[in-house]
C-alpha atoms as a PDB file:
ATOM      1  CA  MET A   1    -118.287 -15.410-210.104  1.00  0.00           C
ATOM      2  CA  THR A   2    -116.271 -12.714-209.818  1.00  0.00           C
ATOM      3  CA  SER A   3    -112.398 -12.242-211.208  1.00  0.00           C
ATOM      4  CA  MET A   4    -109.338 -10.059-210.030  1.00  0.00           C
ATOM      5  CA  THR A   5    -105.677  -9.682-211.180  1.00  0.00           C
ATOM      6  CA  PHE A   6    -103.409 -11.364-209.252  1.00  0.00           C
ATOM      7  CA  ASN A   7    -101.139  -8.104-208.496  1.00  0.00           C
ATOM      8  CA  ARG A   8    -104.858  -6.546-207.142  1.00  0.00           C
ATOM      9  CA  TRP A   9    -105.639  -9.874-205.243  1.00  0.00           C
ATOM     10  CA  MET A  10    -102.229  -9.334-203.234  1.00  0.00           C
ATOM     11  CA  ASP A  11    -103.045  -5.668-202.893  1.00  0.00           C
ATOM     12  CA  VAL A  12    -106.605  -6.409-201.514  1.00  0.00           C
ATOM     13  CA  TYR A  13    -106.115  -9.568-199.716  1.00  0.00           C
ATOM     14  CA  LYS A  14    -102.637  -9.745-198.420  1.00  0.00           C
ATOM     15  CA  PRO A  15    -101.317 -13.105-198.057  1.00  0.00           C
ATOM     16  CA  ILE A  16     -99.061 -14.308-195.894  1.00  0.00           C
ATOM     17  CA  GLU A  17     -95.981 -15.606-195.883  1.00  0.00           C
ATOM     18  CA  SER A  18     -95.535 -19.439-195.260  1.00  0.00           C
ATOM     19  CA  SER A  19     -91.722 -19.014-195.276  1.00  0.00           C
ATOM     20  CA  PRO A  20     -89.041 -16.098-196.730  1.00  0.00           C
ATOM     21  CA  GLN A  21     -90.751 -14.645-199.731  1.00  0.00           C
ATOM     22  CA  ASN A  22     -92.849 -17.332-200.591  1.00  0.00           C
ATOM     23  CA  ILE A  23     -97.146 -17.249-200.255  1.00  0.00           C
ATOM     24  CA  PHE A  24     -97.553 -20.977-200.861  1.00  0.00           C
ATOM     25  CA  PHE A  25     -98.495 -23.273-198.527  1.00  0.00           C
ATOM     26  CA  GLU A  26     -98.230 -27.439-199.164  1.00  0.00           C
ATOM     27  CA  THR A  27    -101.341 -29.164-199.146  1.00  0.00           C
ATOM     28  CA  TRP A  28     -99.793 -32.660-196.850  1.00  0.00           C
ATOM     29  CA  GLN A  29    -100.904 -32.943-193.266  1.00  0.00           C
ATOM     30  CA  GLU A  30     -98.017 -31.259-191.534  1.00  0.00           C
ATOM     31  CA  GLU A  31     -98.816 -28.030-193.683  1.00  0.00           C
ATOM     32  CA  THR A  32    -102.410 -27.737-193.579  1.00  0.00           C
ATOM     33  CA  ASP A  33    -102.273 -28.234-189.670  1.00  0.00           C
ATOM     34  CA  ARG A  34     -99.947 -25.236-189.138  1.00  0.00           C
ATOM     35  CA  ILE A  35    -102.742 -23.718-191.170  1.00  0.00           C
ATOM     36  CA  LYS A  36    -105.299 -24.233-189.248  1.00  0.00           C
ATOM     37  CA  LYS A  37    -102.960 -23.050-186.319  1.00  0.00           C
ATOM     38  CA  ILE A  38    -101.894 -19.948-187.542  1.00  0.00           C
ATOM     39  CA  CYS A  39    -105.535 -19.187-188.225  1.00  0.00           C
ATOM     40  CA  MET A  40    -106.870 -20.608-184.622  1.00  0.00           C
ATOM     41  CA  GLU A  41    -104.095 -18.089-183.414  1.00  0.00           C
ATOM     42  CA  ARG A  42    -104.926 -14.510-184.822  1.00  0.00           C
ATOM     43  CA  GLY A  43    -108.755 -15.747-184.500  1.00  0.00           C
ATOM     44  CA  TRP A  44    -109.616 -16.526-188.236  1.00  0.00           C
ATOM     45  CA  ASP A  45    -112.006 -19.017-189.936  1.00  0.00           C
ATOM     46  CA  ASN A  46    -111.918 -20.495-193.677  1.00  0.00           C
ATOM     47  CA  SER A  47    -112.165 -17.510-195.356  1.00  0.00           C
ATOM     48  CA  HIS A  48    -108.693 -16.514-195.139  1.00  0.00           C
ATOM     49  CA  ILE A  49    -107.691 -19.690-196.710  1.00  0.00           C
ATOM     50  CA  TRP A  50    -107.165 -19.678-200.390  1.00  0.00           C
ATOM     51  CA  THR A  51    -106.559 -22.815-203.124  1.00  0.00           C
ATOM     52  CA  LEU A  52    -104.211 -22.553-205.844  1.00  0.00           C
ATOM     53  CA  LEU A  53    -105.805 -25.042-208.143  1.00  0.00           C
ATOM     54  CA  ASP A  54    -104.688 -26.215-212.055  1.00  0.00           C
ATOM     55  CA  GLU A  55    -107.275 -27.791-214.543  1.00  0.00           C
ATOM     56  CA  ASP A  56    -106.535 -28.925-217.995  1.00  0.00           C
ATOM     57  CA  GLY A  57    -103.595 -25.967-218.009  1.00  0.00           C
ATOM     58  CA  LYS A  58    -104.962 -23.757-216.346  1.00  0.00           C
ATOM     59  CA  THR A  59    -103.940 -21.889-213.082  1.00  0.00           C
ATOM     60  CA  TRP A  60    -105.864 -19.661-210.874  1.00  0.00           C
ATOM     61  CA  ILE A  61    -106.629 -18.910-207.146  1.00  0.00           C
ATOM     62  CA  THR A  62    -110.010 -19.601-205.697  1.00  0.00           C
ATOM     63  CA  ASN A  63    -110.805 -18.444-202.388  1.00  0.00           C
ATOM     64  CA  GLY A  64    -111.810 -21.483-199.930  1.00  0.00           C
ATOM     65  CA  VAL A  65    -110.084 -25.059-199.199  1.00  0.00           C
ATOM     66  CA  ARG A  66    -110.412 -26.755-202.358  1.00  0.00           C
ATOM     67  CA  TRP A  67    -109.284 -30.818-202.495  1.00  0.00           C
ATOM     68  CA  VAL A  68    -109.640 -31.604-206.550  1.00  0.00           C
ATOM     69  CA  ASN A  69    -107.267 -30.322-208.518  1.00  0.00           C
ATOM     70  CA  ARG A  70    -105.321 -28.446-205.735  1.00  0.00           C
ATOM     71  CA  LEU A  71    -101.646 -27.095-206.152  1.00  0.00           C
ATOM     72  CA  ASN A  72    -100.960 -25.535-202.749  1.00  0.00           C
ATOM     73  CA  TYR A  73    -102.854 -23.369-200.173  1.00  0.00           C
ATOM     74  CA  ILE A  74    -102.603 -19.656-199.287  1.00  0.00           C
ATOM     75  CA  VAL A  75    -103.605 -17.333-196.411  1.00  0.00           C
ATOM     76  CA  THR A  76    -104.300 -14.053-196.335  1.00  0.00           C
ATOM     77  CA  GLU A  77    -104.733 -11.269-193.644  1.00  0.00           C
ATOM     78  CA  LYS A  78    -108.381 -10.358-195.342  1.00  0.00           C
ATOM     79  CA  PRO A  79    -110.878 -12.943-195.656  1.00  0.00           C
ATOM     80  CA  PHE A  80    -113.170 -13.351-198.479  1.00  0.00           C
ATOM     81  CA  ALA A  81    -116.536 -11.818-197.867  1.00  0.00           C
ATOM     82  CA  PRO A  82    -119.446 -13.525-200.373  1.00  0.00           C
ATOM     83  CA  VAL A  83    -122.132 -11.865-201.088  1.00  0.00           C
ATOM     84  CA  ASP A  84    -124.314 -15.099-200.972  1.00  0.00           C
ATOM     85  CA  THR A  85    -123.164 -18.716-200.744  1.00  0.00           C
ATOM     86  CA  ASN A  86    -122.520 -18.864-204.422  1.00  0.00           C
ATOM     87  CA  ASP A  87    -120.547 -16.539-204.327  1.00  0.00           C
ATOM     88  CA  TYR A  88    -116.270 -17.190-205.666  1.00  0.00           C
ATOM     89  CA  LEU A  89    -113.450 -15.289-206.457  1.00  0.00           C
ATOM     90  CA  GLU A  90    -111.386 -16.583-209.391  1.00  0.00           C
ATOM     91  CA  VAL A  91    -107.772 -14.985-209.191  1.00  0.00           C
ATOM     92  CA  LYS A  92    -106.370 -15.033-212.858  1.00  0.00           C
ATOM     93  CA  LEU A  93    -102.590 -15.612-212.930  1.00  0.00           C
END
């Protein structure tokens, strides 16, 4: 696991806006369909999708599409490129 501050993550991965001044996409079907469409139109895969999570009062962002404890999704211009299949990034809020 690698960790990074939120501000550094914003600079490196460049989240796109879901609406003006908002980078968070909702988790319901219409929004996930919208995320898929955005990625498809740009030729992007799931490595551009991140999940905002909350567990036991701790909130963070991690790469990939997660289902458990998810609050929102985020789509970034730059994909996450893991070193190996078990590698992930935790963004501290």
